[in-house]
Protein backbone atom coordinates (compact mmCIF):
# COMPACT_ATOMS: atom_id res chain seq x y z
CA MET A 1 -13.53 3.43 -3.26
CA ASN A 2 -16.06 3.43 -6.07
CA SER A 3 -15.43 1.85 -9.46
CA LYS A 4 -15.05 5.23 -11.12
CA ASN A 5 -12.16 6.12 -8.85
CA HIS A 6 -10.54 2.72 -9.37
CA LYS A 7 -10.51 3.38 -13.12
CA ILE A 8 -8.75 6.71 -12.64
CA ILE A 9 -5.78 4.82 -11.18
CA ASN A 10 -5.91 1.32 -12.59
CA GLN A 11 -7.96 0.32 -15.61
CA ASP A 12 -7.38 -3.39 -14.96
CA TYR A 13 -8.72 -3.65 -11.41
CA ILE A 14 -11.69 -6.03 -11.14
CA SER A 15 -13.45 -6.60 -7.84
CA PRO A 16 -14.00 -10.28 -6.92
CA ILE A 17 -17.38 -9.31 -5.45
CA PRO A 18 -20.30 -9.19 -7.93
CA SER A 19 -22.67 -6.24 -7.93
CA SER A 20 -25.50 -8.56 -6.81
CA ALA A 21 -23.73 -9.38 -3.52
CA GLN A 22 -25.32 -8.34 -0.24
CA LYS A 23 -23.34 -6.93 2.68
CA VAL A 24 -24.11 -9.11 5.71
CA PHE A 25 -21.64 -7.67 8.22
CA SER A 26 -19.87 -4.33 8.68
CA GLY A 27 -16.59 -4.51 10.56
CA ILE A 28 -14.07 -1.87 11.59
CA LEU A 29 -11.79 -2.68 8.65
CA PHE A 30 -13.53 -5.42 6.67
CA ASP A 31 -17.10 -5.86 5.45
CA VAL A 32 -18.48 -9.33 4.63
CA TYR A 33 -20.50 -9.95 1.46
CA HIS A 34 -22.62 -12.97 0.41
CA TRP A 35 -24.06 -13.93 -2.96
CA GLU A 36 -25.62 -16.95 -4.62
CA GLN A 37 -23.20 -18.44 -7.14
CA LYS A 38 -24.39 -20.84 -9.83
CA GLN A 39 -22.39 -24.09 -9.91
CA PHE A 40 -21.47 -26.22 -12.93
CA ASP A 41 -24.32 -28.65 -12.23
CA GLY A 42 -26.91 -25.85 -12.19
CA THR A 43 -27.32 -25.66 -8.41
CA TYR A 44 -26.51 -22.57 -6.34
CA LYS A 45 -24.14 -22.12 -3.44
CA THR A 46 -23.63 -19.15 -1.11
CA PHE A 47 -20.24 -17.54 -1.71
CA GLU A 48 -18.54 -15.15 0.71
CA ALA A 49 -15.89 -12.45 0.33
CA LEU A 50 -14.33 -9.63 2.35
CA LYS A 51 -14.04 -6.02 1.27
CA ARG A 52 -11.84 -3.27 2.64
CA LEU A 53 -11.11 0.29 1.58
CA SER A 54 -8.01 0.64 -0.55
CA SER A 55 -4.57 0.97 1.03
CA VAL A 56 -1.54 2.94 -0.10
CA GLN A 57 2.20 2.43 0.27
CA VAL A 58 4.72 5.15 -0.54
CA ILE A 59 8.34 4.69 -1.60
CA ALA A 60 9.56 8.17 -0.71
CA LYS A 61 12.78 9.79 -1.87
CA THR A 62 13.99 13.19 -0.62
CA LYS A 63 15.47 16.05 -2.58
CA GLU A 64 18.85 14.87 -1.21
CA ASN A 65 18.32 11.43 -2.84
CA LYS A 66 17.69 9.66 0.45
CA PHE A 67 14.99 7.01 0.88
CA VAL A 68 12.49 7.40 3.70
CA ILE A 69 11.92 4.36 5.93
CA LEU A 70 9.75 4.26 9.04
CA LYS A 71 10.96 2.64 12.25
CA GLU A 72 7.76 2.02 14.15
CA GLU A 73 6.03 0.44 17.09
CA GLN A 74 2.45 -0.82 17.06
CA PRO A 75 0.29 -1.37 20.18
CA GLN A 76 -0.31 -5.05 19.34
CA ASP A 77 3.33 -5.83 18.52
CA GLU A 78 6.21 -5.64 21.02
CA GLN A 79 8.79 -5.93 18.23
CA VAL A 80 10.02 -2.69 16.67
CA GLY A 81 9.70 -2.98 12.90
CA TYR A 82 10.42 -1.13 9.68
CA SER A 83 7.99 -0.16 6.96
CA LEU A 84 7.22 2.02 3.99
CA ILE A 85 4.97 5.02 4.53
CA GLY A 86 1.36 4.03 4.18
CA GLY A 87 -2.04 3.12 5.48
CA GLY A 88 -5.66 2.86 4.48
CA CYS A 89 -7.74 5.37 2.57
CA ASP A 90 -9.82 7.24 5.14
CA PHE A 91 -13.15 7.13 3.30
CA GLU A 92 -14.74 5.55 0.25
CA ASP A 93 -14.17 8.40 -2.18
CA GLU A 94 -10.60 9.27 -1.17
CA LEU A 95 -8.51 8.67 -4.27
CA PRO A 96 -5.38 6.55 -3.73
CA GLN A 97 -3.07 9.43 -4.70
CA GLU A 98 -4.84 11.65 -2.17
CA GLY A 99 -4.42 8.97 0.51
CA ALA A 100 -0.74 8.60 -0.38
CA ARG A 101 -0.07 12.33 -0.02
CA ARG A 102 -2.02 12.44 3.25
CA GLU A 103 -0.14 9.46 4.75
CA LEU A 104 3.19 10.95 3.64
CA LEU A 105 2.34 14.23 5.38
CA GLU A 106 0.93 12.65 8.55
CA GLU A 107 3.66 10.07 9.12
CA THR A 108 6.71 12.09 8.06
CA GLY A 109 5.65 15.75 7.85
CA MET A 110 6.79 15.70 4.21
CA LYS A 111 5.31 16.76 0.91
CA CYS A 112 6.54 15.64 -2.50
CA ASP A 113 6.91 17.46 -5.81
CA GLU A 114 5.82 14.43 -7.84
CA LEU A 115 3.81 11.29 -7.07
CA GLU A 116 4.10 8.40 -9.53
CA LEU A 117 2.01 5.22 -9.52
CA PHE A 118 4.34 2.24 -9.23
CA GLU A 119 2.09 -0.82 -8.92
CA VAL A 120 -1.33 -1.99 -7.78
CA THR A 121 -1.61 -5.24 -5.84
CA HIS A 122 -4.46 -7.16 -4.25
CA PRO A 123 -4.64 -10.41 -2.29
CA GLY A 124 -6.94 -12.06 -4.82
CA GLY A 125 -9.28 -14.89 -4.00
CA LYS A 126 -12.06 -13.79 -1.70
CA ILE A 127 -10.62 -10.46 -0.52
CA ASP A 128 -11.35 -7.17 -2.29
CA TRP A 129 -8.50 -5.00 -0.98
CA PRO A 130 -6.37 -3.20 -3.58
CA CYS A 131 -3.10 -1.65 -2.43
CA TYR A 132 -1.63 1.17 -4.50
CA TYR A 133 2.15 1.66 -4.44
CA PHE A 134 3.48 5.11 -5.28
CA ILE A 135 6.92 6.63 -5.69
CA ALA A 136 7.12 10.09 -4.12
CA HIS A 137 9.93 12.13 -5.66
CA ASP A 138 11.73 15.14 -4.14
CA CYS A 139 10.17 14.96 -0.68
CA GLU A 140 10.88 17.63 1.91
CA VAL A 141 9.72 18.34 5.45
CA VAL A 142 7.07 21.05 5.68
CA GLN A 143 5.59 20.35 9.13
CA GLU A 144 5.82 18.09 12.17
CA GLN A 145 4.41 14.56 12.14
CA ASN A 146 0.70 14.21 12.89
CA LEU A 147 0.41 10.70 14.36
CA ASP A 148 -2.57 9.04 15.99
CA SER A 149 -2.48 7.37 19.41
CA GLY A 150 -1.67 3.96 17.90
CA GLU A 151 1.53 5.06 16.20
CA LYS A 152 5.11 5.59 17.34
CA ILE A 153 7.16 6.39 14.26
CA GLU A 154 10.77 7.43 13.79
CA VAL A 155 11.58 8.69 10.30
CA LEU A 156 14.85 7.39 8.85
CA GLU A 157 16.55 8.78 5.74
CA VAL A 158 18.92 6.24 4.20
CA ASP A 159 20.85 5.72 0.98
CA PHE A 160 19.81 3.15 -1.62
CA GLU A 161 22.01 0.34 -0.29
CA GLU A 162 20.69 0.84 3.25
CA PHE A 163 17.16 0.91 1.86
CA LEU A 164 17.68 -2.48 0.21
CA THR A 165 19.16 -3.92 3.41
CA ILE A 166 16.22 -2.74 5.54
CA VAL A 167 13.62 -4.05 3.08
CA GLU A 168 15.29 -7.47 3.25
CA ASP A 169 15.37 -7.41 7.08
CA GLU A 170 13.11 -9.93 8.86
CA HIS A 171 11.47 -7.07 10.78
CA PHE A 172 10.42 -5.20 7.64
CA ARG A 173 6.63 -5.40 7.79
CA ASN A 174 5.62 -5.20 4.14
CA LYS A 175 6.28 -8.77 3.04
CA TYR A 176 4.89 -8.23 -0.45
CA PHE A 177 7.50 -5.57 -1.16
CA SER A 178 10.26 -7.68 0.44
CA ASN A 179 9.34 -10.63 -1.79
CA TYR A 180 9.11 -8.39 -4.85
CA LEU A 181 12.58 -6.99 -4.20
CA PHE A 182 14.02 -10.48 -3.59
CA ARG A 183 12.68 -11.64 -6.96
CA ILE A 184 14.02 -8.75 -9.01
CA LEU A 185 17.44 -8.71 -7.33
CA HIS A 186 18.03 -11.98 -9.19
CA THR A 187 16.74 -10.56 -12.47
CA PRO A 188 19.22 -7.90 -13.63
CA ASN A 189 16.92 -6.32 -16.22
CA LYS A 190 14.09 -5.95 -13.71
CA PHE A 191 16.44 -4.51 -11.10
CA GLU A 192 17.70 -1.94 -13.58
CA GLU A 193 14.10 -1.03 -14.40
CA LEU A 194 13.44 -0.47 -10.70
CA LYS A 195 16.51 1.74 -10.36
CA GLU A 196 15.34 3.74 -13.36
CA LYS A 197 11.89 4.26 -11.84
CA LEU A 198 13.54 5.33 -8.57
CA ARG A 199 15.91 7.59 -10.54
CA ILE A 200 19.03 5.93 -9.19
CA ASN A 201 22.05 6.94 -11.21
């Protein structure tokens, strides 16, 4: 994801990796960068950081006002878990909103009438890995799922109360979103703001 495309989505995103950094290792998901960082005493020290293509997460809501949750199995995990729709952008110049629509279509067979940016998160520190959260409104099935060999996904459509219960479940895989929801459930104004964004009457 180049800086131009970041700015289209999120004006405030700043990479922790300086432009002078050199890539010293290319991994399947993460690349490793090194650079010489000046210290307070005037000496220099080699700093290191990881970089990964952006990820997307989709909070999907159908035309029937049901929330879409994935019940999935992963090859490295024997425990069946729950998750939002999502994954990584497939290539450097894929815009987050394009990745979100693609993941929605691949994992559920759905398209949405409207895609709204909800929040952008990143681990901070020495990892350059922004994750873009979107709300997909008025989703409907237009084709069958198109899953890869590492995915077993059952699509669940649940009401808002069931959605909240699943997100709080210990087997829900997106811990950032679980923690976010836990925080705002105890802040009435924030919870009402969330319901408004999700168009919950």
